[in-house]
Each structure stands twice: as structure tokens, then as C-alpha cells.
């Protein structure tokens, strides 16, 4: 797959998601403020909004929010869902289909991906 070359590691997939979610630069998903900075490493989330004083990440407000699926796994799951002519089951996401994943996205994660992708 060419996806493995495009996304060789988690950092490449994170950069791609950030460009997709924040095309005009990073902003707070809660208040929309663009006055943000990197958060302290102890908070757990990488960004801090100086307006509402909350931490956030690129996952907030997306299909990957509250998911243990990594960005790289999300890229592969979205690719399979968009390019497949039939419904993609969670079993299809196992090692037989995507051998680079340590664990497959669950059915719940896939249903969130399907809702996030606009078929019309």
C-alpha cells in the first residue's frame, strides 16, 4: 500500500490530521479562539487555549475523540471505508487486511468513522 509510505509513523499521520482539521491554523474546538499555545507536558493534551483556559488536541470534535485508535490506524480505517464497494466490517480491519496495525479499530470506532464520512 502507498499509505504506508505516506504515513510511515504516527507523527506523519498526526500532521496530516492537523492540516485536515485546522486548515487555517490551530484553534480551540470549544471557543474557537486562535490564541493557543503548547500545553505543559503534565496535562496529557498537547495544546492550551488562553481564552477558555482548557487543554485540547486535534481529536476533540472528530470521530477519533475518546478513541484508543491511533491517527495512523484511523488513516487506514478511513481509507478502507472510502475505497471499499461494500461495507467494511471490524473483522476486515484485522491483521489479514492491515498487517501494520497492532490492533484493529472496533465496531464502535468504525461506526463513528462512517458517520463522519459524508456519502452524499
PDB file of N, CA and C in Angstrom:
ATOM      1  N   UNK A   1       0.828  -1.188   0.000  1.00  0.00           N
ATOM      2  CA  UNK A   1       0.000   0.000   0.000  1.00  0.00           C
ATOM      3  C   UNK A   1       0.872   1.250   0.000  1.00  0.00           C
ATOM      4  N   UNK A   2       0.442   2.249  -0.691  1.00  0.00           N
ATOM      5  CA  UNK A   2       1.174   3.506  -0.685  1.00  0.00           C
ATOM      6  C   UNK A   2       0.921   4.285   0.598  1.00  0.00           C
ATOM      7  N   UNK A   3      -0.105   3.922   1.326  1.00  0.00           N
ATOM      8  CA  UNK A   3      -0.373   4.614   2.588  1.00  0.00           C
ATOM      9  C   UNK A   3       0.751   4.410   3.592  1.00  0.00           C
ATOM     10  N   UNK A   4       1.361   3.255   3.555  1.00  0.00           N
ATOM     11  CA  UNK A   4       2.463   3.021   4.493  1.00  0.00           C
ATOM     12  C   UNK A   4       3.646   3.924   4.183  1.00  0.00           C
ATOM     13  N   UNK A   5       3.818   4.294   2.917  1.00  0.00           N
ATOM     14  CA  UNK A   5       4.882   5.233   2.567  1.00  0.00           C
ATOM     15  C   UNK A   5       4.494   6.662   2.930  1.00  0.00           C
ATOM     16  N   UNK A   6       3.213   7.000   2.755  1.00  0.00           N
ATOM     17  CA  UNK A   6       2.745   8.350   3.093  1.00  0.00           C
ATOM     18  C   UNK A   6       2.725   8.588   4.597  1.00  0.00           C
ATOM     19  N   UNK A   7       2.408   7.541   5.352  1.00  0.00           N
ATOM     20  CA  UNK A   7       2.310   7.646   6.808  1.00  0.00           C
ATOM     21  C   UNK A   7       3.211   6.601   7.453  1.00  0.00           C
ATOM     22  N   UNK A   8       4.532   6.825   7.410  1.00  0.00           N
ATOM     23  CA  UNK A   8       5.454   5.832   7.956  1.00  0.00           C
ATOM     24  C   UNK A   8       5.415   5.731   9.475  1.00  0.00           C
ATOM     25  N   UNK A   9       4.964   6.806  10.131  1.00  0.00           N
ATOM     26  CA  UNK A   9       4.902   6.784  11.587  1.00  0.00           C
ATOM     27  C   UNK A   9       3.715   7.617  12.069  1.00  0.00           C
ATOM     28  N   UNK A  10       3.537   7.637  13.358  1.00  0.00           N
ATOM     29  CA  UNK A  10       2.405   8.336  13.970  1.00  0.00           C
ATOM     30  C   UNK A  10       2.500   9.857  13.788  1.00  0.00           C
ATOM     31  N   UNK A  11       3.705  10.397  13.774  1.00  0.00           N
ATOM     32  CA  UNK A  11       3.873  11.845  13.604  1.00  0.00           C
ATOM     33  C   UNK A  11       3.378  12.324  12.241  1.00  0.00           C
ATOM     34  N   UNK A  12       3.622  11.542  11.200  1.00  0.00           N
ATOM     35  CA  UNK A  12       3.153  11.915   9.857  1.00  0.00           C
ATOM     36  C   UNK A  12       1.631  11.905   9.797  1.00  0.00           C
ATOM     37  N   UNK A  13       1.009  10.912  10.413  1.00  0.00           N
ATOM     38  CA  UNK A  13      -0.451  10.849  10.432  1.00  0.00           C
ATOM     39  C   UNK A  13      -1.039  11.985  11.273  1.00  0.00           C
ATOM     40  N   UNK A  14      -0.401  12.324  12.379  1.00  0.00           N
ATOM     41  CA  UNK A  14      -0.872  13.433  13.220  1.00  0.00           C
ATOM     42  C   UNK A  14      -0.791  14.750  12.463  1.00  0.00           C
ATOM     43  N   UNK A  15       0.298  14.973  11.751  1.00  0.00           N
ATOM     44  CA  UNK A  15       0.453  16.192  10.958  1.00  0.00           C
ATOM     45  C   UNK A  15      -0.625  16.278   9.883  1.00  0.00           C
ATOM     46  N   UNK A  16      -0.944  15.160   9.251  1.00  0.00           N
ATOM     47  CA  UNK A  16      -1.990  15.135   8.222  1.00  0.00           C
ATOM     48  C   UNK A  16      -3.356  15.463   8.819  1.00  0.00           C
ATOM     49  N   UNK A  17      -3.677  14.860   9.982  1.00  0.00           N
ATOM     50  CA  UNK A  17      -4.954  15.150  10.634  1.00  0.00           C
ATOM     51  C   UNK A  17      -5.044  16.610  11.058  1.00  0.00           C
ATOM     52  N   UNK A  18      -3.951  17.169  11.567  1.00  0.00           N
ATOM     53  CA  UNK A  18      -3.963  18.573  11.978  1.00  0.00           C
ATOM     54  C   UNK A  18      -4.206  19.493  10.783  1.00  0.00           C
ATOM     55  N   UNK A  19      -3.600  19.193   9.643  1.00  0.00           N
ATOM     56  CA  UNK A  19      -3.829  20.005   8.445  1.00  0.00           C
ATOM     57  C   UNK A  19      -5.259  19.854   7.940  1.00  0.00           C
ATOM     58  N   UNK A  20      -5.843  18.695   8.144  1.00  0.00           N
ATOM     59  CA  UNK A  20      -7.219  18.453   7.709  1.00  0.00           C
ATOM     60  C   UNK A  20      -8.226  19.150   8.621  1.00  0.00           C
ATOM     61  N   UNK A  21      -8.012  19.060   9.922  1.00  0.00           N
ATOM     62  CA  UNK A  21      -8.951  19.643  10.889  1.00  0.00           C
ATOM     63  C   UNK A  21      -8.751  21.147  11.033  1.00  0.00           C
ATOM     64  N   UNK A  22      -7.500  21.592  10.997  1.00  0.00           N
ATOM     65  CA  UNK A  22      -7.185  23.017  11.170  1.00  0.00           C
ATOM     66  C   UNK A  22      -6.510  23.575   9.916  1.00  0.00           C
ATOM     67  N   UNK A  23      -7.227  23.751   8.798  1.00  0.00           N
ATOM     68  CA  UNK A  23      -6.574  24.244   7.570  1.00  0.00           C
ATOM     69  C   UNK A  23      -6.083  25.686   7.687  1.00  0.00           C
ATOM     70  N   UNK A  24      -6.688  26.477   8.576  1.00  0.00           N
ATOM     71  CA  UNK A  24      -6.288  27.878   8.748  1.00  0.00           C
ATOM     72  C   UNK A  24      -5.462  28.095  10.006  1.00  0.00           C
ATOM     73  N   UNK A  25      -4.910  27.048  10.536  1.00  0.00           N
ATOM     74  CA  UNK A  25      -4.119  27.149  11.757  1.00  0.00           C
ATOM     75  C   UNK A  25      -4.876  26.601  12.962  1.00  0.00           C
ATOM     76  N   UNK A  26      -4.133  26.309  13.997  1.00  0.00           N
ATOM     77  CA  UNK A  26      -4.694  25.710  15.202  1.00  0.00           C
ATOM     78  C   UNK A  26      -5.650  26.669  15.897  1.00  0.00           C
ATOM     79  N   UNK A  27      -6.795  26.130  16.338  1.00  0.00           N
ATOM     80  CA  UNK A  27      -7.760  26.912  17.110  1.00  0.00           C
ATOM     81  C   UNK A  27      -8.460  25.997  18.109  1.00  0.00           C
ATOM     82  N   UNK A  28      -9.001  26.597  19.130  1.00  0.00           N
ATOM     83  CA  UNK A  28      -9.681  25.845  20.190  1.00  0.00           C
ATOM     84  C   UNK A  28     -11.019  25.319  19.665  1.00  0.00           C
ATOM     85  N   UNK A  29     -11.284  24.030  19.803  1.00  0.00           N
ATOM     86  CA  UNK A  29     -12.553  23.489  19.328  1.00  0.00           C
ATOM     87  C   UNK A  29     -13.738  23.873  20.218  1.00  0.00           C
ATOM     88  N   UNK A  30     -13.463  24.346  21.418  1.00  0.00           N
ATOM     89  CA  UNK A  30     -14.546  24.715  22.337  1.00  0.00           C
ATOM     90  C   UNK A  30     -15.018  26.151  22.118  1.00  0.00           C
ATOM     91  N   UNK A  31     -14.080  27.099  22.060  1.00  0.00           N
ATOM     92  CA  UNK A  31     -14.462  28.512  21.958  1.00  0.00           C
ATOM     93  C   UNK A  31     -14.085  29.141  20.617  1.00  0.00           C
ATOM     94  N   UNK A  32     -13.267  28.453  19.810  1.00  0.00           N
ATOM     95  CA  UNK A  32     -12.874  28.962  18.502  1.00  0.00           C
ATOM     96  C   UNK A  32     -11.716  29.946  18.522  1.00  0.00           C
ATOM     97  N   UNK A  33     -11.141  30.187  19.663  1.00  0.00           N
ATOM     98  CA  UNK A  33     -10.037  31.138  19.800  1.00  0.00           C
ATOM     99  C   UNK A  33      -8.781  30.619  19.096  1.00  0.00           C
ATOM    100  N   UNK A  34      -8.084  31.515  18.427  1.00  0.00           N
ATOM    101  CA  UNK A  34      -6.837  31.133  17.761  1.00  0.00           C
ATOM    102  C   UNK A  34      -5.610  31.435  18.612  1.00  0.00           C
ATOM    103  N   UNK A  35      -5.815  32.040  19.763  1.00  0.00           N
ATOM    104  CA  UNK A  35      -4.721  32.353  20.672  1.00  0.00           C
ATOM    105  C   UNK A  35      -4.439  31.123  21.533  1.00  0.00           C
ATOM    106  N   UNK A  36      -3.698  30.187  20.970  1.00  0.00           N
ATOM    107  CA  UNK A  36      -3.388  28.938  21.650  1.00  0.00           C
ATOM    108  C   UNK A  36      -1.880  28.760  21.736  1.00  0.00           C
ATOM    109  N   UNK A  37      -1.474  27.843  22.586  1.00  0.00           N
ATOM    110  CA  UNK A  37      -0.052  27.527  22.713  1.00  0.00           C
ATOM    111  C   UNK A  37       0.080  26.069  23.109  1.00  0.00           C
ATOM    112  N   UNK A  38       1.294  25.589  23.103  1.00  0.00           N
ATOM    113  CA  UNK A  38       1.538  24.220  23.535  1.00  0.00           C
ATOM    114  C   UNK A  38       1.342  24.145  25.043  1.00  0.00           C
ATOM    115  N   UNK A  39       0.692  23.090  25.482  1.00  0.00           N
ATOM    116  CA  UNK A  39       0.418  22.917  26.905  1.00  0.00           C
ATOM    117  C   UNK A  39       1.624  22.309  27.607  1.00  0.00           C
ATOM    118  N   UNK A  40       1.591  22.405  28.919  1.00  0.00           N
ATOM    119  CA  UNK A  40       2.632  21.760  29.718  1.00  0.00           C
ATOM    120  C   UNK A  40       2.533  20.254  29.522  1.00  0.00           C
ATOM    121  N   UNK A  41       3.628  19.583  29.574  1.00  0.00           N
ATOM    122  CA  UNK A  41       3.642  18.142  29.312  1.00  0.00           C
ATOM    123  C   UNK A  41       2.862  17.340  30.349  1.00  0.00           C
ATOM    124  N   UNK A  42       2.550  17.909  31.474  1.00  0.00           N
ATOM    125  CA  UNK A  42       1.860  17.173  32.529  1.00  0.00           C
ATOM    126  C   UNK A  42       0.354  17.104  32.323  1.00  0.00           C
ATOM    127  N   UNK A  43      -0.211  17.867  31.376  1.00  0.00           N
ATOM    128  CA  UNK A  43      -1.661  17.912  31.224  1.00  0.00           C
ATOM    129  C   UNK A  43      -2.227  16.732  30.453  1.00  0.00           C
ATOM    130  N   UNK A  44      -1.462  16.120  29.592  1.00  0.00           N
ATOM    131  CA  UNK A  44      -1.955  14.999  28.817  1.00  0.00           C
ATOM    132  C   UNK A  44      -2.430  15.385  27.428  1.00  0.00           C
ATOM    133  N   UNK A  45      -2.901  16.603  27.245  1.00  0.00           N
ATOM    134  CA  UNK A  45      -3.307  17.091  25.932  1.00  0.00           C
ATOM    135  C   UNK A  45      -2.283  18.114  25.463  1.00  0.00           C
ATOM    136  N   UNK A  46      -1.961  18.122  24.161  1.00  0.00           N
ATOM    137  CA  UNK A  46      -0.813  18.905  23.697  1.00  0.00           C
ATOM    138  C   UNK A  46      -1.010  20.415  23.549  1.00  0.00           C
ATOM    139  N   UNK A  47      -2.255  20.900  23.509  1.00  0.00           N
ATOM    140  CA  UNK A  47      -2.496  22.318  23.252  1.00  0.00           C
ATOM    141  C   UNK A  47      -3.303  22.959  24.371  1.00  0.00           C
ATOM    142  N   UNK A  48      -3.103  24.275  24.541  1.00  0.00           N
ATOM    143  CA  UNK A  48      -3.775  25.025  25.600  1.00  0.00           C
ATOM    144  C   UNK A  48      -4.393  26.287  25.007  1.00  0.00           C
ATOM    145  N   UNK A  49      -5.661  26.540  25.332  1.00  0.00           N
ATOM    146  CA  UNK A  49      -6.346  27.755  24.884  1.00  0.00           C
ATOM    147  C   UNK A  49      -6.211  28.808  25.978  1.00  0.00           C
ATOM    148  N   UNK A  50      -5.686  29.979  25.622  1.00  0.00           N
ATOM    149  CA  UNK A  50      -5.514  31.039  26.616  1.00  0.00           C
ATOM    150  C   UNK A  50      -6.815  31.766  26.912  1.00  0.00           C
ATOM    151  N   UNK A  51      -7.822  31.592  26.072  1.00  0.00           N
ATOM    152  CA  UNK A  51      -9.106  32.255  26.281  1.00  0.00           C
ATOM    153  C   UNK A  51      -9.978  31.484  27.276  1.00  0.00           C
ATOM    154  N   UNK A  52     -10.254  30.215  26.986  1.00  0.00           N
ATOM    155  CA  UNK A  52     -11.115  29.430  27.886  1.00  0.00           C
ATOM    156  C   UNK A  52     -10.316  28.627  28.901  1.00  0.00           C
ATOM    157  N   UNK A  53      -8.987  28.659  28.788  1.00  0.00           N
ATOM    158  CA  UNK A  53      -8.079  28.019  29.744  1.00  0.00           C
ATOM    159  C   UNK A  53      -8.285  26.505  29.854  1.00  0.00           C
ATOM    160  N   UNK A  54      -8.505  25.877  28.711  1.00  0.00           N
ATOM    161  CA  UNK A  54      -8.658  24.418  28.680  1.00  0.00           C
ATOM    162  C   UNK A  54      -7.649  23.842  27.700  1.00  0.00           C
ATOM    163  N   UNK A  55      -7.285  22.603  27.963  1.00  0.00           N
ATOM    164  CA  UNK A  55      -6.381  21.913  27.047  1.00  0.00           C
ATOM    165  C   UNK A  55      -7.204  21.176  25.997  1.00  0.00           C
ATOM    166  N   UNK A  56      -6.597  20.949  24.838  1.00  0.00           N
ATOM    167  CA  UNK A  56      -7.293  20.259  23.766  1.00  0.00           C
ATOM    168  C   UNK A  56      -6.294  19.606  22.829  1.00  0.00           C
ATOM    169  N   UNK A  57      -6.813  18.755  21.969  1.00  0.00           N
ATOM    170  CA  UNK A  57      -6.000  18.132  20.929  1.00  0.00           C
ATOM    171  C   UNK A  57      -6.792  18.149  19.634  1.00  0.00           C
ATOM    172  N   UNK A  58      -6.179  17.671  18.584  1.00  0.00           N
ATOM    173  CA  UNK A  58      -6.836  17.637  17.278  1.00  0.00           C
ATOM    174  C   UNK A  58      -7.982  16.627  17.264  1.00  0.00           C
ATOM    175  N   UNK A  59      -8.005  15.698  18.205  1.00  0.00           N
ATOM    176  CA  UNK A  59      -9.066  14.690  18.275  1.00  0.00           C
ATOM    177  C   UNK A  59     -10.421  15.259  18.700  1.00  0.00           C
ATOM    178  N   UNK A  60     -10.433  16.327  19.477  1.00  0.00           N
ATOM    179  CA  UNK A  60     -11.681  16.862  20.029  1.00  0.00           C
ATOM    180  C   UNK A  60     -12.602  17.300  18.891  1.00  0.00           C
ATOM    181  N   UNK A  61     -13.827  16.792  18.920  1.00  0.00           N
ATOM    182  CA  UNK A  61     -14.816  17.146  17.906  1.00  0.00           C
ATOM    183  C   UNK A  61     -14.725  16.327  16.631  1.00  0.00           C
ATOM    184  N   UNK A  62     -13.898  15.282  16.621  1.00  0.00           N
ATOM    185  CA  UNK A  62     -13.774  14.430  15.439  1.00  0.00           C
ATOM    186  C   UNK A  62     -14.213  13.014  15.781  1.00  0.00           C
ATOM    187  N   UNK A  63     -14.174  12.139  14.792  1.00  0.00           N
ATOM    188  CA  UNK A  63     -14.546  10.734  15.002  1.00  0.00           C
ATOM    189  C   UNK A  63     -13.545  10.011  15.892  1.00  0.00           C
ATOM    190  N   UNK A  64     -12.363  10.563  16.050  1.00  0.00           N
ATOM    191  CA  UNK A  64     -11.338   9.922  16.884  1.00  0.00           C
ATOM    192  C   UNK A  64     -11.377  10.376  18.343  1.00  0.00           C
ATOM    193  N   UNK A  65     -12.312  11.254  18.691  1.00  0.00           N
ATOM    194  CA  UNK A  65     -12.411  11.711  20.074  1.00  0.00           C
ATOM    195  C   UNK A  65     -12.776  10.541  20.976  1.00  0.00           C
ATOM    196  N   UNK A  66     -12.095  10.434  22.096  1.00  0.00           N
ATOM    197  CA  UNK A  66     -12.293   9.363  23.079  1.00  0.00           C
ATOM    198  C   UNK A  66     -12.083   7.970  22.492  1.00  0.00           C
ATOM    199  N   UNK A  67     -11.222   7.871  21.520  1.00  0.00           N
ATOM    200  CA  UNK A  67     -10.925   6.595  20.883  1.00  0.00           C
ATOM    201  C   UNK A  67      -9.482   6.227  21.163  1.00  0.00           C
ATOM    202  N   UNK A  68      -9.224   4.948  21.327  1.00  0.00           N
ATOM    203  CA  UNK A  68      -7.856   4.490  21.531  1.00  0.00           C
ATOM    204  C   UNK A  68      -7.157   4.202  20.206  1.00  0.00           C
ATOM    205  N   UNK A  69      -7.885   4.383  19.107  1.00  0.00           N
ATOM    206  CA  UNK A  69      -7.313   4.181  17.786  1.00  0.00           C
ATOM    207  C   UNK A  69      -6.314   5.301  17.522  1.00  0.00           C
ATOM    208  N   UNK A  70      -5.124   4.946  17.068  1.00  0.00           N
ATOM    209  CA  UNK A  70      -4.117   5.950  16.772  1.00  0.00           C
ATOM    210  C   UNK A  70      -4.471   6.660  15.467  1.00  0.00           C
ATOM    211  N   UNK A  71      -3.818   7.772  15.201  1.00  0.00           N
ATOM    212  CA  UNK A  71      -4.063   8.501  13.961  1.00  0.00           C
ATOM    213  C   UNK A  71      -3.710   7.642  12.746  1.00  0.00           C
ATOM    214  N   UNK A  72      -2.647   6.908  12.848  1.00  0.00           N
ATOM    215  CA  UNK A  72      -2.228   6.054  11.728  1.00  0.00           C
ATOM    216  C   UNK A  72      -3.257   4.961  11.473  1.00  0.00           C
ATOM    217  N   UNK A  73      -3.776   4.349  12.520  1.00  0.00           N
ATOM    218  CA  UNK A  73      -4.829   3.356  12.354  1.00  0.00           C
ATOM    219  C   UNK A  73      -6.086   3.996  11.773  1.00  0.00           C
ATOM    220  N   UNK A  74      -6.376   5.220  12.191  1.00  0.00           N
ATOM    221  CA  UNK A  74      -7.528   5.938  11.662  1.00  0.00           C
ATOM    222  C   UNK A  74      -7.407   6.198  10.179  1.00  0.00           C
ATOM    223  N   UNK A  75      -6.203   6.523   9.715  1.00  0.00           N
ATOM    224  CA  UNK A  75      -5.975   6.753   8.283  1.00  0.00           C
ATOM    225  C   UNK A  75      -6.284   5.492   7.493  1.00  0.00           C
ATOM    226  N   UNK A  76      -5.796   4.350   7.963  1.00  0.00           N
ATOM    227  CA  UNK A  76      -6.043   3.089   7.264  1.00  0.00           C
ATOM    228  C   UNK A  76      -7.521   2.714   7.296  1.00  0.00           C
ATOM    229  N   UNK A  77      -8.177   2.923   8.417  1.00  0.00           N
ATOM    230  CA  UNK A  77      -9.603   2.601   8.513  1.00  0.00           C
ATOM    231  C   UNK A  77     -10.430   3.491   7.595  1.00  0.00           C
ATOM    232  N   UNK A  78     -10.122   4.775   7.553  1.00  0.00           N
ATOM    233  CA  UNK A  78     -10.842   5.700   6.670  1.00  0.00           C
ATOM    234  C   UNK A  78     -10.587   5.334   5.209  1.00  0.00           C
ATOM    235  N   UNK A  79      -9.357   4.991   4.879  1.00  0.00           N
ATOM    236  CA  UNK A  79      -9.037   4.598   3.507  1.00  0.00           C
ATOM    237  C   UNK A  79      -9.848   3.375   3.084  1.00  0.00           C
ATOM    238  N   UNK A  80      -9.877   2.347   3.931  1.00  0.00           N
ATOM    239  CA  UNK A  80     -10.628   1.143   3.589  1.00  0.00           C
ATOM    240  C   UNK A  80     -12.123   1.434   3.458  1.00  0.00           C
ATOM    241  N   UNK A  81     -12.645   2.273   4.311  1.00  0.00           N
ATOM    242  CA  UNK A  81     -14.066   2.599   4.271  1.00  0.00           C
ATOM    243  C   UNK A  81     -14.423   3.388   3.011  1.00  0.00           C
ATOM    244  N   UNK A  82     -13.589   4.328   2.629  1.00  0.00           N
ATOM    245  CA  UNK A  82     -13.887   5.173   1.474  1.00  0.00           C
ATOM    246  C   UNK A  82     -13.711   4.409   0.157  1.00  0.00           C
ATOM    247  N   UNK A  83     -12.718   3.544   0.067  1.00  0.00           N
ATOM    248  CA  UNK A  83     -12.436   2.869  -1.194  1.00  0.00           C
ATOM    249  C   UNK A  83     -13.166   1.549  -1.364  1.00  0.00           C
ATOM    250  N   UNK A  84     -13.811   1.050  -0.341  1.00  0.00           N
ATOM    251  CA  UNK A  84     -14.493  -0.236  -0.429  1.00  0.00           C
ATOM    252  C   UNK A  84     -15.864  -0.076  -1.079  1.00  0.00           C
ATOM    253  N   UNK A  85     -16.209  -1.019  -1.930  1.00  0.00           N
ATOM    254  CA  UNK A  85     -17.533  -1.001  -2.556  1.00  0.00           C
ATOM    255  C   UNK A  85     -18.598  -1.563  -1.626  1.00  0.00           C
ATOM    256  N   UNK A  86     -18.176  -2.398  -0.697  1.00  0.00           N
ATOM    257  CA  UNK A  86     -19.100  -2.999   0.256  1.00  0.00           C
ATOM    258  C   UNK A  86     -18.830  -2.443   1.643  1.00  0.00           C
ATOM    259  N   UNK A  87     -19.648  -2.832   2.580  1.00  0.00           N
ATOM    260  CA  UNK A  87     -19.478  -2.406   3.964  1.00  0.00           C
ATOM    261  C   UNK A  87     -18.222  -3.046   4.532  1.00  0.00           C
ATOM    262  N   UNK A  88     -17.447  -2.271   5.260  1.00  0.00           N
ATOM    263  CA  UNK A  88     -16.228  -2.779   5.880  1.00  0.00           C
ATOM    264  C   UNK A  88     -16.554  -3.181   7.306  1.00  0.00           C
ATOM    265  N   UNK A  89     -16.347  -4.445   7.628  1.00  0.00           N
ATOM    266  CA  UNK A  89     -16.606  -4.912   8.982  1.00  0.00           C
ATOM    267  C   UNK A  89     -15.353  -4.728   9.834  1.00  0.00           C
ATOM    268  N   UNK A  90     -15.540  -4.829  11.145  1.00  0.00           N
ATOM    269  CA  UNK A  90     -14.383  -4.699  12.027  1.00  0.00           C
ATOM    270  C   UNK A  90     -13.423  -5.862  11.853  1.00  0.00           C
ATOM    271  N   UNK A  91     -13.927  -7.003  11.420  1.00  0.00           N
ATOM    272  CA  UNK A  91     -13.061  -8.160  11.165  1.00  0.00           C
ATOM    273  C   UNK A  91     -12.138  -7.899   9.974  1.00  0.00           C
ATOM    274  N   UNK A  92     -12.590  -7.090   9.030  1.00  0.00           N
ATOM    275  CA  UNK A  92     -11.765  -6.749   7.862  1.00  0.00           C
ATOM    276  C   UNK A  92     -10.553  -5.934   8.288  1.00  0.00           C
ATOM    277  N   UNK A  93     -10.655  -5.255   9.423  1.00  0.00           N
ATOM    278  CA  UNK A  93      -9.574  -4.414   9.907  1.00  0.00           C
ATOM    279  C   UNK A  93      -8.512  -5.194  10.672  1.00  0.00           C
ATOM    280  N   UNK A  94      -8.644  -6.483  10.726  1.00  0.00           N
ATOM    281  CA  UNK A  94      -7.679  -7.291  11.468  1.00  0.00           C
ATOM    282  C   UNK A  94      -6.378  -7.426  10.694  1.00  0.00           C
ATOM    283  N   UNK A  95      -5.493  -8.197  11.221  1.00  0.00           N
ATOM    284  CA  UNK A  95      -4.149  -8.320  10.654  1.00  0.00           C
ATOM    285  C   UNK A  95      -4.146  -8.848   9.224  1.00  0.00           C
ATOM    286  N   UNK A  96      -5.193  -9.540   8.799  1.00  0.00           N
ATOM    287  CA  UNK A  96      -5.202 -10.052   7.423  1.00  0.00           C
ATOM    288  C   UNK A  96      -5.337  -8.925   6.408  1.00  0.00           C
ATOM    289  N   UNK A  97      -6.014  -7.831   6.772  1.00  0.00           N
ATOM    290  CA  UNK A  97      -6.199  -6.726   5.843  1.00  0.00           C
ATOM    291  C   UNK A  97      -5.141  -5.652   6.014  1.00  0.00           C
ATOM    292  N   UNK A  98      -4.907  -5.260   7.237  1.00  0.00           N
ATOM    293  CA  UNK A  98      -3.939  -4.205   7.519  1.00  0.00           C
ATOM    294  C   UNK A  98      -2.901  -4.788   8.469  1.00  0.00           C
ATOM    295  N   UNK A  99      -1.874  -5.339   7.908  1.00  0.00           N
ATOM    296  CA  UNK A  99      -0.899  -6.064   8.709  1.00  0.00           C
ATOM    297  C   UNK A  99      -0.036  -5.154   9.561  1.00  0.00           C
ATOM    298  N   UNK A 100      -0.077  -3.846   9.323  1.00  0.00           N
ATOM    299  CA  UNK A 100       0.779  -2.947  10.087  1.00  0.00           C
ATOM    300  C   UNK A 100       0.134  -2.507  11.395  1.00  0.00           C
ATOM    301  N   UNK A 101      -1.128  -2.812  11.599  1.00  0.00           N
ATOM    302  CA  UNK A 101      -1.809  -2.366  12.805  1.00  0.00           C
ATOM    303  C   UNK A 101      -1.594  -3.354  13.935  1.00  0.00           C
ATOM    304  N   UNK A 102      -1.362  -2.833  15.105  1.00  0.00           N
ATOM    305  CA  UNK A 102      -1.199  -3.699  16.266  1.00  0.00           C
ATOM    306  C   UNK A 102      -2.555  -4.238  16.722  1.00  0.00           C
ATOM    307  N   UNK A 103      -3.568  -3.390  16.652  1.00  0.00           N
ATOM    308  CA  UNK A 103      -4.929  -3.831  16.973  1.00  0.00           C
ATOM    309  C   UNK A 103      -5.878  -3.131  16.008  1.00  0.00           C
ATOM    310  N   UNK A 104      -6.959  -3.788  15.728  1.00  0.00           N
ATOM    311  CA  UNK A 104      -7.902  -3.246  14.746  1.00  0.00           C
ATOM    312  C   UNK A 104      -8.878  -2.278  15.416  1.00  0.00           C
ATOM    313  N   UNK A 105      -9.354  -1.286  14.662  1.00  0.00           N
ATOM    314  CA  UNK A 105     -10.396  -0.427  15.194  1.00  0.00           C
ATOM    315  C   UNK A 105     -11.652  -1.251  15.491  1.00  0.00           C
ATOM    316  N   UNK A 106     -12.333  -0.921  16.540  1.00  0.00           N
ATOM    317  CA  UNK A 106     -13.508  -1.679  16.930  1.00  0.00           C
ATOM    318  C   UNK A 106     -14.713  -1.289  16.082  1.00  0.00           C
ATOM    319  N   UNK A 107     -15.784  -2.039  16.232  1.00  0.00           N
ATOM    320  CA  UNK A 107     -17.017  -1.740  15.513  1.00  0.00           C
ATOM    321  C   UNK A 107     -17.530  -0.356  15.890  1.00  0.00           C
ATOM    322  N   UNK A 108     -17.392   0.012  17.142  1.00  0.00           N
ATOM    323  CA  UNK A 108     -17.840   1.334  17.585  1.00  0.00           C
ATOM    324  C   UNK A 108     -17.046   2.446  16.896  1.00  0.00           C
ATOM    325  N   UNK A 109     -15.732   2.261  16.798  1.00  0.00           N
ATOM    326  CA  UNK A 109     -14.902   3.254  16.114  1.00  0.00           C
ATOM    327  C   UNK A 109     -15.264   3.340  14.640  1.00  0.00           C
ATOM    328  N   UNK A 110     -15.502   2.191  14.016  1.00  0.00           N
ATOM    329  CA  UNK A 110     -15.866   2.200  12.604  1.00  0.00           C
ATOM    330  C   UNK A 110     -17.191   2.896  12.367  1.00  0.00           C
ATOM    331  N   UNK A 111     -18.145   2.721  13.275  1.00  0.00           N
ATOM    332  CA  UNK A 111     -19.428   3.402  13.092  1.00  0.00           C
ATOM    333  C   UNK A 111     -19.245   4.912  13.203  1.00  0.00           C
ATOM    334  N   UNK A 112     -18.334   5.363  14.056  1.00  0.00           N
ATOM    335  CA  UNK A 112     -18.052   6.801  14.129  1.00  0.00           C
ATOM    336  C   UNK A 112     -17.382   7.300  12.863  1.00  0.00           C
ATOM    337  N   UNK A 113     -16.477   6.498  12.291  1.00  0.00           N
ATOM    338  CA  UNK A 113     -15.850   6.882  11.022  1.00  0.00           C
ATOM    339  C   UNK A 113     -16.895   6.997   9.924  1.00  0.00           C
ATOM    340  N   UNK A 114     -17.814   6.026   9.882  1.00  0.00           N
ATOM    341  CA  UNK A 114     -18.842   6.026   8.844  1.00  0.00           C
ATOM    342  C   UNK A 114     -19.755   7.242   8.963  1.00  0.00           C
ATOM    343  N   UNK A 115     -20.070   7.626  10.180  1.00  0.00           N
ATOM    344  CA  UNK A 115     -20.906   8.813  10.375  1.00  0.00           C
ATOM    345  C   UNK A 115     -20.152  10.084   9.993  1.00  0.00           C
ATOM    346  N   UNK A 116     -18.854  10.077  10.202  1.00  0.00           N
ATOM    347  CA  UNK A 116     -18.059  11.277   9.902  1.00  0.00           C
ATOM    348  C   UNK A 116     -17.841  11.474   8.410  1.00  0.00           C
ATOM    349  N   UNK A 117     -17.855  10.371   7.655  1.00  0.00           N
ATOM    350  CA  UNK A 117     -17.639  10.461   6.211  1.00  0.00           C
ATOM    351  C   UNK A 117     -18.966  10.762   5.541  1.00  0.00           C
ATOM    352  N   UNK A 118     -18.983  11.789   4.723  1.00  0.00           N
ATOM    353  CA  UNK A 118     -20.214  12.193   4.046  1.00  0.00           C
ATOM    354  C   UNK A 118     -20.320  11.459   2.721  1.00  0.00           C
ATOM    355  N   UNK A 119     -21.349  10.604   2.600  1.00  0.00           N
ATOM    356  CA  UNK A 119     -21.505   9.819   1.377  1.00  0.00           C
ATOM    357  C   UNK A 119     -22.281  10.552   0.280  1.00  0.00           C
ATOM    358  N   UNK A 120     -22.890  11.678   0.598  1.00  0.00           N
ATOM    359  CA  UNK A 120     -23.713  12.355  -0.410  1.00  0.00           C
ATOM    360  C   UNK A 120     -22.914  13.300  -1.250  1.00  0.00           C
TER     361      UNK A 120
END
